Amino acid sequence: MRGALLASDAGMLDVRNWDRFVHATPGRRFQERYRRKAGTERGKLARCAVILAGIALTLVGTFFLAVPGPGIPILAVGLALIAQESSVMACFLDRAEIRLRRWWKKMRR
């Protein structure tokens, strides 16, 4: 079931893609995902739809930071969607991942 499709064809969330993302080198995983997505043949409409979905989820996640709700996970998914279409956001998230890992390591001591 390794290649089974987890979401609809629109989402293209494949188990192999998820494995590649999770097992990628920390600090490089978002940029590698961006490069893989940039190499595929997708229309401008599809790219715009992904970016708009990412922006919408980022706004909803920001709202849920102020009120009770799952703000951080929604915000993370929104930013990840934007990062798969933007190299600048991919670099930003890779740097943020490294900083969060360092911070988490300090907090666990």
C-alpha atoms as a PDB file:
ATOM      1  CA  MET A   1       0.000   0.000   0.000  1.00  0.00           C
ATOM      2  CA  ARG A   2       3.092   2.195  -0.174  1.00  0.00           C
ATOM      3  CA  GLY A   3       1.991   4.033  -3.313  1.00  0.00           C
ATOM      4  CA  ALA A   4      -1.627   4.353  -2.279  1.00  0.00           C
ATOM      5  CA  LEU A   5      -3.180   7.716  -2.783  1.00  0.00           C
ATOM      6  CA  LEU A   6      -4.102   9.409   0.495  1.00  0.00           C
ATOM      7  CA  ALA A   7      -6.006  12.352  -0.972  1.00  0.00           C
ATOM      8  CA  SER A   8      -7.737  13.223  -4.188  1.00  0.00           C
ATOM      9  CA  ASP A   9      -5.794  13.812  -7.397  1.00  0.00           C
ATOM     10  CA  ALA A  10      -6.026  17.554  -6.763  1.00  0.00           C
ATOM     11  CA  GLY A  11      -4.009  17.226  -3.552  1.00  0.00           C
ATOM     12  CA  MET A  12      -1.510  14.715  -4.924  1.00  0.00           C
ATOM     13  CA  LEU A  13      -0.512  13.685  -1.398  1.00  0.00           C
ATOM     14  CA  ASP A  14       1.159  10.389  -2.167  1.00  0.00           C
ATOM     15  CA  VAL A  15       2.745   8.191   0.499  1.00  0.00           C
ATOM     16  CA  ARG A  16       6.062   8.239  -1.386  1.00  0.00           C
ATOM     17  CA  ASN A  17       6.060  12.048  -1.471  1.00  0.00           C
ATOM     18  CA  TRP A  18       5.294  12.186   2.231  1.00  0.00           C
ATOM     19  CA  ASP A  19       8.108   9.708   2.998  1.00  0.00           C
ATOM     20  CA  ARG A  20      10.523  11.778   0.921  1.00  0.00           C
ATOM     21  CA  PHE A  21       9.490  14.940   2.743  1.00  0.00           C
ATOM     22  CA  VAL A  22       9.676  13.451   6.246  1.00  0.00           C
ATOM     23  CA  HIS A  23      13.033  11.747   5.670  1.00  0.00           C
ATOM     24  CA  ALA A  24      14.668  14.707   3.930  1.00  0.00           C
ATOM     25  CA  THR A  25      17.500  16.511   5.650  1.00  0.00           C
ATOM     26  CA  PRO A  26      16.236  19.026   8.211  1.00  0.00           C
ATOM     27  CA  GLY A  27      16.903  22.511   6.945  1.00  0.00           C
ATOM     28  CA  ARG A  28      16.573  21.386   3.311  1.00  0.00           C
ATOM     29  CA  ARG A  29      13.235  19.588   3.176  1.00  0.00           C
ATOM     30  CA  PHE A  30      11.063  22.540   2.079  1.00  0.00           C
ATOM     31  CA  GLN A  31      13.529  23.589  -0.614  1.00  0.00           C
ATOM     32  CA  GLU A  32      13.739  20.020  -1.920  1.00  0.00           C
ATOM     33  CA  ARG A  33       9.931  19.849  -2.034  1.00  0.00           C
ATOM     34  CA  TYR A  34       9.847  23.164  -3.903  1.00  0.00           C
ATOM     35  CA  ARG A  35      12.358  21.879  -6.475  1.00  0.00           C
ATOM     36  CA  ARG A  36      10.382  18.668  -7.000  1.00  0.00           C
ATOM     37  CA  LYS A  37       7.145  20.612  -7.478  1.00  0.00           C
ATOM     38  CA  ALA A  38       8.796  23.193  -9.759  1.00  0.00           C
ATOM     39  CA  GLY A  39       9.950  20.401 -12.064  1.00  0.00           C
ATOM     40  CA  THR A  40       6.430  19.164 -12.725  1.00  0.00           C
ATOM     41  CA  GLU A  41       4.121  20.331 -15.468  1.00  0.00           C
ATOM     42  CA  ARG A  42       1.351  22.224 -13.725  1.00  0.00           C
ATOM     43  CA  GLY A  43      -0.713  25.093 -14.965  1.00  0.00           C
ATOM     44  CA  LYS A  44      -0.707  28.617 -13.605  1.00  0.00           C
ATOM     45  CA  LEU A  45      -4.247  28.145 -12.373  1.00  0.00           C
ATOM     46  CA  ALA A  46      -3.213  25.169 -10.231  1.00  0.00           C
ATOM     47  CA  ARG A  47      -0.257  27.078  -8.788  1.00  0.00           C
ATOM     48  CA  CYS A  48      -2.478  30.073  -8.003  1.00  0.00           C
ATOM     49  CA  ALA A  49      -5.036  27.804  -6.355  1.00  0.00           C
ATOM     50  CA  VAL A  50      -2.368  26.254  -4.105  1.00  0.00           C
ATOM     51  CA  ILE A  51      -1.003  29.681  -3.136  1.00  0.00           C
ATOM     52  CA  LEU A  52      -4.493  31.031  -2.433  1.00  0.00           C
ATOM     53  CA  ALA A  53      -5.320  27.970  -0.329  1.00  0.00           C
ATOM     54  CA  GLY A  54      -2.072  28.485   1.582  1.00  0.00           C
ATOM     55  CA  ILE A  55      -2.862  32.140   2.200  1.00  0.00           C
ATOM     56  CA  ALA A  56      -6.391  31.296   3.343  1.00  0.00           C
ATOM     57  CA  LEU A  57      -5.134  28.620   5.747  1.00  0.00           C
ATOM     58  CA  THR A  58      -2.445  30.981   7.052  1.00  0.00           C
ATOM     59  CA  LEU A  59      -5.079  33.622   7.782  1.00  0.00           C
ATOM     60  CA  VAL A  60      -7.382  31.086   9.461  1.00  0.00           C
ATOM     61  CA  GLY A  61      -4.446  29.750  11.492  1.00  0.00           C
ATOM     62  CA  THR A  62      -3.525  33.271  12.572  1.00  0.00           C
ATOM     63  CA  PHE A  63      -7.129  33.829  13.660  1.00  0.00           C
ATOM     64  CA  PHE A  64      -7.085  30.615  15.687  1.00  0.00           C
ATOM     65  CA  LEU A  65      -3.928  31.747  17.489  1.00  0.00           C
ATOM     66  CA  ALA A  66      -6.045  34.443  19.152  1.00  0.00           C
ATOM     67  CA  VAL A  67      -9.082  32.266  19.914  1.00  0.00           C
ATOM     68  CA  PRO A  68      -9.256  28.668  21.117  1.00  0.00           C
ATOM     69  CA  GLY A  69      -8.603  26.315  18.266  1.00  0.00           C
ATOM     70  CA  PRO A  70      -5.890  24.498  16.318  1.00  0.00           C
ATOM     71  CA  GLY A  71      -4.026  27.641  15.221  1.00  0.00           C
ATOM     72  CA  ILE A  72      -0.463  26.352  14.974  1.00  0.00           C
ATOM     73  CA  PRO A  73      -1.171  23.226  12.858  1.00  0.00           C
ATOM     74  CA  ILE A  74      -3.411  25.170  10.462  1.00  0.00           C
ATOM     75  CA  LEU A  75      -0.807  27.924  10.200  1.00  0.00           C
ATOM     76  CA  ALA A  76       1.927  25.349   9.514  1.00  0.00           C
ATOM     77  CA  VAL A  77      -0.078  23.688   6.724  1.00  0.00           C
ATOM     78  CA  GLY A  78      -0.835  27.066   5.142  1.00  0.00           C
ATOM     79  CA  LEU A  79       2.812  28.098   5.168  1.00  0.00           C
ATOM     80  CA  ALA A  80       3.871  24.702   3.795  1.00  0.00           C
ATOM     81  CA  LEU A  81       1.437  25.085   0.886  1.00  0.00           C
ATOM     82  CA  ILE A  82       2.887  28.482   0.061  1.00  0.00           C
ATOM     83  CA  ALA A  83       6.431  27.089   0.387  1.00  0.00           C
ATOM     84  CA  GLN A  84       5.856  24.435  -2.265  1.00  0.00           C
ATOM     85  CA  GLU A  85       5.215  27.248  -4.756  1.00  0.00           C
ATOM     86  CA  SER A  86       7.659  29.898  -3.469  1.00  0.00           C
ATOM     87  CA  SER A  87      11.406  29.425  -3.110  1.00  0.00           C
ATOM     88  CA  VAL A  88      11.615  32.371  -0.689  1.00  0.00           C
ATOM     89  CA  MET A  89       9.060  30.815   1.657  1.00  0.00           C
ATOM     90  CA  ALA A  90      10.768  27.414   1.324  1.00  0.00           C
ATOM     91  CA  CYS A  91      14.091  28.932   2.445  1.00  0.00           C
ATOM     92  CA  PHE A  92      12.350  30.755   5.287  1.00  0.00           C
ATOM     93  CA  LEU A  93      10.689  27.584   6.569  1.00  0.00           C
ATOM     94  CA  ASP A  94      13.938  25.621   6.342  1.00  0.00           C
ATOM     95  CA  ARG A  95      15.705  28.236   8.477  1.00  0.00           C
ATOM     96  CA  ALA A  96      12.780  28.340  10.903  1.00  0.00           C
ATOM     97  CA  GLU A  97      12.878  24.547  11.216  1.00  0.00           C
ATOM     98  CA  ILE A  98      16.551  24.610  12.203  1.00  0.00           C
ATOM     99  CA  ARG A  99      15.947  27.376  14.751  1.00  0.00           C
ATOM    100  CA  LEU A 100      12.948  25.566  16.238  1.00  0.00           C
ATOM    101  CA  ARG A 101      14.937  22.355  16.512  1.00  0.00           C
ATOM    102  CA  ARG A 102      17.762  24.191  18.364  1.00  0.00           C
ATOM    103  CA  TRP A 103      15.254  25.895  20.662  1.00  0.00           C
ATOM    104  CA  TRP A 104      13.490  22.588  21.366  1.00  0.00           C
ATOM    105  CA  LYS A 105      16.816  20.911  22.160  1.00  0.00           C
ATOM    106  CA  LYS A 106      17.659  23.669  24.675  1.00  0.00           C
ATOM    107  CA  MET A 107      14.230  23.426  26.284  1.00  0.00           C
ATOM    108  CA  ARG A 108      14.551  19.666  26.770  1.00  0.00           C
ATOM    109  CA  ARG A 109      17.792  19.969  28.766  1.00  0.00           C
END
